[in-house]
Amino acid sequence: MTKVCVMGLGYVGLPLAVRAAEAGFHVFGVESDELRAKRLDAGDSHVEDIPSARLLAALDTGRLHVSTVCDTPYDLCVIAVPTPLRAGVPDLTCVESAGRAVAEHLRPGATVVLESTTYPGTTEDLLGPILEAGSGLRAGRDFHLGYSPERIDPGNPTWHLENTPKVVAGIDPASLDAVRAFYDRITTRTVPVTSLRTAELTKLLENTFRQVNIALVNELAMCAGPLGIDIWEAVGAAATKPFGFMPFYPGPGVGGHCLPVDPSYLSWQVRRELHHDVRFISLANEINEQMPEYVIRRMERGLGRDLRGASVLVLGLAYKKDTGDVRESPALRIAELLVRRGARVRAVEPYAVPAHLPPDVLLVELTGEEVRTADAVVLATDHDAFDYPLIERNAAYLFDARNRCAAADRL
């Protein structure tokens, strides 16, 4: 196993491709976006967890190549393409397209691994038949098929691909051995499970756990203020308990590809196959989805007026601090709601690509003048790059949705 193909060079695929090249594999990374592929081929990384210097070093070894198409045979292929929701229904178009592309170069003895988040049964019931139809080979007999859920946490300085335990599964024991052999070379620990469906459910369980607990603390945050309680202090105090509690913190909502999407994959499948509603997921989605609107209401209450005609400065548009990932970002939703309310919206966002941001929101630099001239400032994403003393000194009214500023109206 020496030649590896990675389909999709985003937040999941790029770290995997670079790490595999560092581990000695010859890696062909496939990125369908031509502009992004050119940037990557020149050593310009769009993923914060992979500095451009590290990408360039991998390219310089001659073991990492970037292309826009899968056009060569491989020993192992990892599919790490987007799986968004469309109107509440899983959209596996990218998985299907990737499957058809890699099937053309699938040869006996090779291994295909899906990493994209999806509902249980996708690898075996959807991807497997596509690979078989396109190659004329049989999964488990002629080639290995596996699933390994991605566990990338963008911007996390402690846990990354190499040191995060990697769940692995195969359609049969030989496939599991092949999948595990690959990840054993690029991660410090692999965790084998007995079936593809178990591995697929593992990822959904992890993020449903987070979604439900964030919804719990968000709902408590909306109740704590009227009761005269500081929710942040209460969570901090509860976190001192050394057993039976894990702290989750309130915020303006949830974003990224995982939390707003993964639990819905599970509830969609359960409704479709079992005709049952996973009520915890439905309730958690409802609570977290209403948080941007709650932020707007709190701002109007704090200002003592509606926001029509107001000048509002939004600090941060990414879904999480110190990243440029705006997928499903609650900060974007806040900006959109402000525009609908008739506010004049400006935003400071040092990481996100401007093309991914709303056209009716003007991007500006963070200066004292920008803060002073705003009727209201809302801290939606707490990037470390922000000058918080400057913000606090100059804001006439500051709503802090991230508990970063002492002198502010807080969530």
Protein backbone atom coordinates (compact mmCIF):
# COMPACT_ATOMS: atom_id res chain seq x y z
CA MET A 1 0.00 0.00 0.00
CA THR A 2 1.99 2.99 -1.24
CA LYS A 3 -0.22 5.03 -3.58
CA VAL A 4 -3.05 6.95 -1.91
CA CYS A 5 -5.81 9.04 -3.47
CA VAL A 6 -7.68 11.59 -1.35
CA MET A 7 -10.95 12.84 -2.84
CA GLY A 8 -11.71 16.32 -1.49
CA LEU A 9 -9.09 18.66 -0.02
CA GLY A 10 -11.14 20.62 2.50
CA TYR A 11 -10.95 20.72 6.29
CA VAL A 12 -10.88 16.91 6.41
CA GLY A 13 -9.10 15.86 3.24
CA LEU A 14 -6.19 18.30 3.24
CA PRO A 15 -4.84 17.37 6.70
CA LEU A 16 -5.21 13.71 5.75
CA ALA A 17 -3.36 14.13 2.43
CA VAL A 18 -0.51 16.10 3.99
CA ARG A 19 -0.14 13.69 6.90
CA ALA A 20 -0.14 10.66 4.58
CA ALA A 21 2.60 12.24 2.45
CA GLU A 22 4.61 12.94 5.61
CA ALA A 23 4.20 9.27 6.59
CA GLY A 24 5.78 8.14 3.32
CA PHE A 25 2.78 7.48 1.10
CA HIS A 26 2.62 8.83 -2.45
CA VAL A 27 -0.54 10.92 -2.31
CA PHE A 28 -2.73 12.27 -5.09
CA GLY A 29 -5.13 14.84 -3.71
CA VAL A 30 -8.18 15.58 -5.84
CA GLU A 31 -9.89 18.97 -5.46
CA SER A 32 -12.72 19.72 -7.91
CA ASP A 33 -12.54 23.49 -7.32
CA GLU A 34 -9.96 24.56 -9.91
CA LEU A 35 -9.01 27.81 -8.16
CA ARG A 36 -8.52 26.05 -4.84
CA ALA A 37 -6.53 23.28 -6.52
CA LYS A 38 -4.17 25.85 -8.08
CA ARG A 39 -3.68 27.53 -4.71
CA LEU A 40 -2.91 24.21 -3.04
CA ASP A 41 -0.53 23.14 -5.78
CA ALA A 42 1.36 26.40 -5.19
CA GLY A 43 1.61 25.68 -1.46
CA ASP A 44 -1.11 28.13 -0.39
CA SER A 45 -3.27 26.44 2.26
CA HIS A 46 -6.87 27.49 2.90
CA VAL A 47 -7.12 25.33 6.06
CA GLU A 48 -5.88 26.93 9.29
CA ASP A 49 -4.75 23.59 10.74
CA ILE A 50 -2.32 23.12 7.82
CA PRO A 51 0.02 26.12 7.58
CA SER A 52 1.19 26.89 4.07
CA ALA A 53 4.76 26.07 5.11
CA ARG A 54 3.72 22.54 6.07
CA LEU A 55 1.80 22.07 2.82
CA LEU A 56 4.76 23.35 0.80
CA ALA A 57 7.11 20.99 2.62
CA ALA A 58 4.88 18.04 1.74
CA LEU A 59 4.75 19.13 -1.90
CA ASP A 60 8.53 19.52 -1.97
CA THR A 61 9.01 15.88 -1.00
CA GLY A 62 7.47 14.92 -4.33
CA ARG A 63 5.06 12.61 -2.51
CA LEU A 64 2.06 14.97 -2.62
CA HIS A 65 0.39 15.98 -5.87
CA VAL A 66 -2.77 18.04 -6.38
CA SER A 67 -5.17 17.50 -9.25
CA THR A 68 -8.75 18.33 -10.19
CA VAL A 69 -9.57 14.78 -11.34
CA CYS A 70 -8.96 11.23 -10.24
CA ASP A 71 -7.04 9.84 -13.21
CA THR A 72 -4.68 7.18 -11.89
CA PRO A 73 -4.90 3.78 -10.16
CA TYR A 74 -4.35 3.70 -6.39
CA ASP A 75 -3.76 1.26 -3.56
CA LEU A 76 -6.08 3.12 -1.20
CA CYS A 77 -8.58 5.91 -1.72
CA VAL A 78 -10.16 8.08 0.96
CA ILE A 79 -13.36 9.94 0.08
CA ALA A 80 -13.71 13.11 2.17
CA VAL A 81 -16.26 15.19 0.29
CA PRO A 82 -19.10 17.39 1.61
CA THR A 83 -22.44 15.85 2.65
CA PRO A 84 -24.76 18.80 3.31
CA LEU A 85 -28.46 18.85 4.06
CA ARG A 86 -30.84 20.20 1.43
CA ALA A 87 -34.24 21.13 2.81
CA GLY A 88 -33.63 18.73 5.69
CA VAL A 89 -32.70 15.81 3.43
CA PRO A 90 -29.15 14.39 3.17
CA ASP A 91 -27.45 15.37 -0.09
CA LEU A 92 -24.97 12.65 -1.03
CA THR A 93 -24.38 13.94 -4.56
CA CYS A 94 -20.67 14.51 -3.89
CA VAL A 95 -20.23 11.02 -2.44
CA GLU A 96 -21.94 9.52 -5.48
CA SER A 97 -19.81 11.55 -7.91
CA ALA A 98 -16.62 10.67 -6.06
CA GLY A 99 -17.61 7.00 -6.03
CA ARG A 100 -18.12 6.96 -9.78
CA ALA A 101 -14.79 8.71 -10.34
CA VAL A 102 -12.71 6.37 -8.17
CA ALA A 103 -14.52 3.28 -9.52
CA GLU A 104 -12.90 3.89 -12.91
CA HIS A 105 -9.44 3.26 -11.43
CA LEU A 106 -10.35 0.68 -8.80
CA ARG A 107 -8.29 -2.49 -9.18
CA PRO A 108 -8.26 -5.84 -7.35
CA GLY A 109 -6.78 -5.64 -3.87
CA ALA A 110 -7.27 -1.88 -3.51
CA THR A 111 -9.08 -0.23 -0.59
CA VAL A 112 -11.73 2.52 -0.57
CA VAL A 113 -12.57 4.34 2.67
CA LEU A 114 -15.40 6.82 3.18
CA GLU A 115 -14.78 9.55 5.77
CA SER A 116 -17.66 11.88 4.94
CA THR A 117 -20.34 12.13 7.63
CA THR A 118 -23.50 10.32 6.67
CA TYR A 119 -26.29 8.07 7.94
CA PRO A 120 -25.72 4.40 8.82
CA GLY A 121 -25.82 2.19 5.75
CA THR A 122 -24.38 4.67 3.26
CA THR A 123 -21.02 2.95 2.76
CA GLU A 124 -22.45 -0.50 2.23
CA ASP A 125 -25.76 0.31 0.50
CA LEU A 126 -24.85 3.37 -1.58
CA LEU A 127 -21.10 3.68 -2.11
CA GLY A 128 -20.40 -0.05 -2.42
CA PRO A 129 -22.83 -0.64 -5.31
CA ILE A 130 -21.50 2.45 -7.14
CA LEU A 131 -17.95 1.14 -6.88
CA GLU A 132 -19.00 -2.33 -7.99
CA ALA A 133 -20.99 -1.04 -10.98
CA GLY A 134 -18.14 1.19 -12.15
CA SER A 135 -15.35 -1.32 -11.72
CA GLY A 136 -16.91 -4.73 -12.28
CA LEU A 137 -15.36 -5.84 -8.98
CA ARG A 138 -17.08 -7.10 -5.83
CA ALA A 139 -16.65 -5.39 -2.45
CA GLY A 140 -15.15 -7.74 0.11
CA ARG A 141 -14.14 -10.25 -2.55
CA ASP A 142 -12.09 -8.20 -5.02
CA PHE A 143 -11.48 -4.95 -3.14
CA HIS A 144 -11.65 -3.68 0.44
CA LEU A 145 -14.33 -1.23 1.58
CA GLY A 146 -14.29 0.69 4.84
CA TYR A 147 -15.54 3.65 6.81
CA SER A 148 -13.65 5.90 9.23
CA PRO A 149 -15.52 8.94 10.56
CA GLU A 150 -13.57 12.19 10.47
CA ARG A 151 -12.91 13.83 13.82
CA ILE A 152 -11.36 17.11 12.70
CA ASP A 153 -11.92 20.05 15.06
CA PRO A 154 -10.73 23.14 13.13
CA GLY A 155 -8.56 25.47 15.15
CA ASN A 156 -8.07 23.06 18.05
CA PRO A 157 -4.42 23.46 19.16
CA THR A 158 -4.40 20.24 21.21
CA TRP A 159 -6.29 17.59 19.26
CA HIS A 160 -5.63 17.05 15.57
CA LEU A 161 -5.54 14.22 13.04
CA GLU A 162 -2.39 12.58 14.34
CA ASN A 163 -3.27 12.27 18.04
CA THR A 164 -7.07 11.90 17.92
CA PRO A 165 -8.13 8.22 18.16
CA LYS A 166 -9.41 7.04 14.78
CA VAL A 167 -12.48 4.80 14.56
CA VAL A 168 -12.15 2.30 11.71
CA ALA A 169 -14.44 -0.32 10.20
CA GLY A 170 -14.58 -2.63 7.20
CA ILE A 171 -17.20 -4.52 5.24
CA ASP A 172 -15.39 -7.72 6.26
CA PRO A 173 -12.37 -8.64 8.43
CA ALA A 174 -9.89 -8.28 5.56
CA SER A 175 -11.22 -4.82 4.76
CA LEU A 176 -10.95 -3.81 8.41
CA ASP A 177 -7.33 -4.98 8.47
CA ALA A 178 -6.52 -2.95 5.34
CA VAL A 179 -8.21 0.20 6.65
CA ARG A 180 -6.57 -0.12 10.05
CA ALA A 181 -3.13 -0.71 8.52
CA PHE A 182 -3.36 2.63 6.71
CA TYR A 183 -4.53 4.71 9.67
CA ASP A 184 -2.05 3.01 12.01
CA ARG A 185 0.69 4.71 9.97
CA ILE A 186 -0.73 8.23 10.20
CA THR A 187 -2.41 8.32 13.65
CA THR A 188 -1.31 7.30 17.12
CA ARG A 189 -4.29 5.05 17.83
CA THR A 190 -6.99 3.27 15.88
CA VAL A 191 -10.26 2.02 17.36
CA PRO A 192 -11.76 -0.86 15.35
CA VAL A 193 -15.51 -1.49 15.48
CA THR A 194 -17.40 -4.49 14.22
CA SER A 195 -19.43 -2.97 11.37
CA LEU A 196 -19.63 -0.09 8.94
CA ARG A 197 -22.99 0.97 10.38
CA THR A 198 -21.53 1.14 13.89
CA ALA A 199 -18.74 3.43 12.67
CA GLU A 200 -21.23 5.62 10.81
CA LEU A 201 -23.45 5.89 13.89
CA THR A 202 -20.44 6.68 16.09
CA LYS A 203 -19.89 10.03 14.36
CA LEU A 204 -23.57 10.93 14.54
CA LEU A 205 -23.67 9.99 18.22
CA GLU A 206 -20.66 12.17 19.04
CA ASN A 207 -22.16 15.28 17.49
CA THR A 208 -25.72 14.61 18.62
CA PHE A 209 -24.34 14.50 22.17
CA ARG A 210 -22.79 17.94 21.65
CA GLN A 211 -25.87 19.39 19.93
CA VAL A 212 -28.22 18.27 22.70
CA ASN A 213 -26.00 19.55 25.52
CA ILE A 214 -25.41 22.90 23.83
CA ALA A 215 -29.17 23.23 23.37
CA LEU A 216 -29.67 22.47 27.07
CA VAL A 217 -27.31 25.22 28.20
CA ASN A 218 -28.67 27.65 25.59
CA GLU A 219 -32.18 27.16 26.92
CA LEU A 220 -30.93 27.65 30.47
CA ALA A 221 -29.13 30.82 29.37
CA MET A 222 -32.41 32.27 28.12
CA CYS A 223 -33.98 31.57 31.53
CA ALA A 224 -31.06 32.45 33.80
CA GLY A 225 -30.94 36.19 33.08
CA PRO A 226 -34.58 36.88 34.02
CA LEU A 227 -33.97 34.84 37.19
CA GLY A 228 -31.03 37.05 38.10
CA ILE A 229 -28.44 34.32 37.51
CA ASP A 230 -25.16 34.50 35.58
CA ILE A 231 -25.26 31.34 33.44
CA TRP A 232 -21.53 31.53 32.75
CA GLU A 233 -20.74 31.52 36.46
CA ALA A 234 -23.13 28.63 37.03
CA VAL A 235 -21.54 26.51 34.29
CA GLY A 236 -18.07 27.34 35.59
CA ALA A 237 -19.03 26.30 39.10
CA ALA A 238 -20.62 23.06 37.88
CA ALA A 239 -17.46 22.30 35.89
CA THR A 240 -15.49 21.99 39.14
CA LYS A 241 -17.28 18.71 39.81
CA PRO A 242 -14.72 16.03 38.93
CA PHE A 243 -17.28 13.43 37.85
CA GLY A 244 -20.69 13.22 36.19
CA PHE A 245 -20.51 16.63 34.46
CA MET A 246 -18.97 18.03 31.28
CA PRO A 247 -19.17 21.79 30.67
CA PHE A 248 -20.92 23.15 27.59
CA TYR A 249 -21.32 26.87 27.09
CA PRO A 250 -24.10 29.01 25.62
CA GLY A 251 -23.61 30.89 22.39
CA PRO A 252 -25.40 32.48 19.43
CA GLY A 253 -26.14 29.09 17.89
CA VAL A 254 -24.16 26.25 16.36
CA GLY A 255 -22.36 26.13 13.04
CA GLY A 256 -19.92 24.24 10.88
CA HIS A 257 -20.64 21.09 8.94
CA CYS A 258 -21.10 18.86 11.99
CA LEU A 259 -23.44 20.12 14.71
CA PRO A 260 -26.23 21.63 12.60
CA VAL A 261 -26.09 18.69 10.16
CA ASP A 262 -25.06 15.37 11.73
CA PRO A 263 -27.95 14.93 14.20
CA SER A 264 -30.39 15.65 11.38
CA TYR A 265 -28.87 12.80 9.35
CA LEU A 266 -29.73 10.43 12.16
CA SER A 267 -33.24 11.76 12.76
CA TRP A 268 -33.94 11.71 8.99
CA GLN A 269 -32.95 8.04 8.75
CA VAL A 270 -34.89 7.03 11.85
CA ARG A 271 -38.03 8.74 10.53
CA ARG A 272 -37.58 7.15 7.10
CA GLU A 273 -36.87 3.59 8.25
CA LEU A 274 -38.52 3.33 11.67
CA HIS A 275 -41.26 6.00 11.37
CA HIS A 276 -40.12 7.41 14.68
CA ASP A 277 -39.07 10.91 15.71
CA VAL A 278 -35.87 11.28 17.77
CA ARG A 279 -37.37 13.95 20.01
CA PHE A 280 -34.16 15.04 21.70
CA ILE A 281 -32.65 15.87 18.30
CA SER A 282 -35.74 17.73 17.12
CA LEU A 283 -35.89 19.80 20.30
CA ALA A 284 -32.15 20.52 20.29
CA ASN A 285 -32.30 21.67 16.66
CA GLU A 286 -35.25 23.93 17.46
CA ILE A 287 -33.51 25.58 20.42
CA ASN A 288 -30.15 26.10 18.73
CA GLU A 289 -31.71 27.38 15.51
CA GLN A 290 -33.57 30.12 17.40
CA MET A 291 -30.46 31.49 19.13
CA PRO A 292 -29.58 34.07 16.42
CA GLU A 293 -33.09 35.51 16.71
CA TYR A 294 -32.72 35.56 20.50
CA VAL A 295 -29.48 37.53 20.14
CA ILE A 296 -31.29 40.13 18.02
CA ARG A 297 -34.09 40.44 20.60
CA ARG A 298 -31.56 40.87 23.40
CA MET A 299 -29.79 43.61 21.43
CA GLU A 300 -33.05 45.47 20.87
CA ARG A 301 -33.84 45.17 24.56
CA GLY A 302 -30.39 46.44 25.50
CA LEU A 303 -30.61 49.39 23.12
CA GLY A 304 -34.15 50.17 24.12
CA ARG A 305 -35.23 50.44 20.48
CA ASP A 306 -35.64 48.39 17.35
CA LEU A 307 -32.71 48.10 14.98
CA ARG A 308 -34.20 49.76 11.91
CA GLY A 309 -31.77 52.40 10.73
CA ALA A 310 -29.20 51.47 13.39
CA SER A 311 -25.53 51.05 12.55
CA VAL A 312 -24.41 47.62 13.77
CA LEU A 313 -20.88 46.24 13.77
CA VAL A 314 -20.70 42.43 13.81
CA LEU A 315 -17.43 41.02 15.12
CA GLY A 316 -16.71 37.64 13.55
CA LEU A 317 -18.70 35.81 10.88
CA ALA A 318 -17.08 32.36 11.05
CA TYR A 319 -18.87 29.68 13.06
CA LYS A 320 -15.91 29.23 15.42
CA LYS A 321 -13.04 31.37 16.58
CA ASP A 322 -9.71 31.49 14.75
CA THR A 323 -11.04 29.74 11.63
CA GLY A 324 -12.46 31.01 8.36
CA ASP A 325 -15.18 28.35 8.18
CA VAL A 326 -18.57 30.02 7.68
CA ARG A 327 -20.58 26.86 6.96
CA GLU A 328 -23.92 27.08 8.80
CA SER A 329 -22.48 29.93 10.88
CA PRO A 330 -24.91 31.48 13.39
CA ALA A 331 -22.94 34.72 13.02
CA LEU A 332 -23.95 34.87 9.36
CA ARG A 333 -27.55 34.30 10.39
CA ILE A 334 -27.30 37.18 12.87
CA ALA A 335 -25.96 39.46 10.13
CA GLU A 336 -28.77 38.42 7.78
CA LEU A 337 -31.42 39.05 10.45
CA LEU A 338 -29.95 42.49 11.16
CA VAL A 339 -30.17 43.38 7.48
CA ARG A 340 -33.79 42.21 7.40
CA ARG A 341 -34.52 44.40 10.44
CA GLY A 342 -33.31 47.40 8.43
CA ALA A 343 -29.98 47.83 10.18
CA ARG A 344 -26.87 49.08 8.40
CA VAL A 345 -24.46 46.19 8.94
CA ARG A 346 -20.69 46.21 8.86
CA ALA A 347 -18.54 43.27 9.91
CA VAL A 348 -15.01 42.44 10.94
CA GLU A 349 -13.88 38.98 9.82
CA PRO A 350 -10.12 38.41 9.49
CA TYR A 351 -10.20 34.78 8.35
CA ALA A 352 -13.12 33.99 6.05
CA VAL A 353 -12.90 34.33 2.27
CA PRO A 354 -14.90 37.46 1.27
CA ALA A 355 -16.61 35.55 -1.55
CA HIS A 356 -18.27 33.32 1.06
CA LEU A 357 -19.82 36.26 2.93
CA PRO A 358 -23.17 38.04 2.36
CA PRO A 359 -22.91 40.73 -0.34
CA ASP A 360 -24.98 43.22 1.68
CA VAL A 361 -22.61 43.13 4.66
CA LEU A 362 -19.63 45.48 4.33
CA LEU A 363 -16.31 44.10 5.57
CA VAL A 364 -14.20 46.59 7.52
CA GLU A 365 -11.07 46.63 9.65
CA LEU A 366 -11.36 46.68 13.43
CA THR A 367 -10.54 50.24 14.51
CA GLY A 368 -11.60 52.50 17.35
CA GLU A 369 -13.45 54.69 14.85
CA GLU A 370 -15.46 51.74 13.49
CA VAL A 371 -16.46 50.73 17.01
CA ARG A 372 -17.29 54.29 18.14
CA THR A 373 -19.53 55.10 15.18
CA ALA A 374 -21.64 51.94 15.59
CA ASP A 375 -24.90 52.22 17.51
CA ALA A 376 -24.38 48.61 18.56
CA VAL A 377 -21.54 46.10 18.44
CA VAL A 378 -22.19 42.37 18.66
CA LEU A 379 -19.41 39.90 19.35
CA ALA A 380 -20.63 36.86 17.43
CA THR A 381 -17.34 34.98 17.02
CA ASP A 382 -14.53 35.58 19.49
CA HIS A 383 -11.41 35.47 17.33
CA ASP A 384 -8.23 35.83 19.39
CA ALA A 385 -6.98 38.40 16.87
CA PHE A 386 -9.56 40.96 18.05
CA ASP A 387 -8.37 43.82 20.26
CA TYR A 388 -10.84 43.39 23.10
CA PRO A 389 -9.70 46.37 25.23
CA LEU A 390 -10.17 48.60 22.17
CA ILE A 391 -13.66 47.20 21.66
CA GLU A 392 -14.68 47.71 25.28
CA ARG A 393 -13.26 51.26 25.43
CA ASN A 394 -15.07 52.47 22.33
CA ALA A 395 -18.38 50.60 22.10
CA ALA A 396 -21.47 52.61 23.03
CA TYR A 397 -23.38 49.34 23.37
CA LEU A 398 -21.73 45.91 23.19
CA PHE A 399 -23.57 42.60 23.17
CA ASP A 400 -21.21 39.71 23.90
CA ALA A 401 -22.51 36.33 22.76
CA ARG A 402 -19.25 34.58 23.70
CA ASN A 403 -18.48 35.77 27.26
CA ARG A 404 -15.22 37.41 26.18
CA CYS A 405 -15.71 41.00 27.40
CA ALA A 406 -16.27 42.08 30.99
CA ALA A 407 -17.96 45.39 30.14
CA ALA A 408 -20.77 44.12 27.97
CA ASP A 409 -24.35 42.96 27.83
CA ARG A 410 -23.84 39.19 27.80
CA LEU A 411 -25.80 36.22 26.56
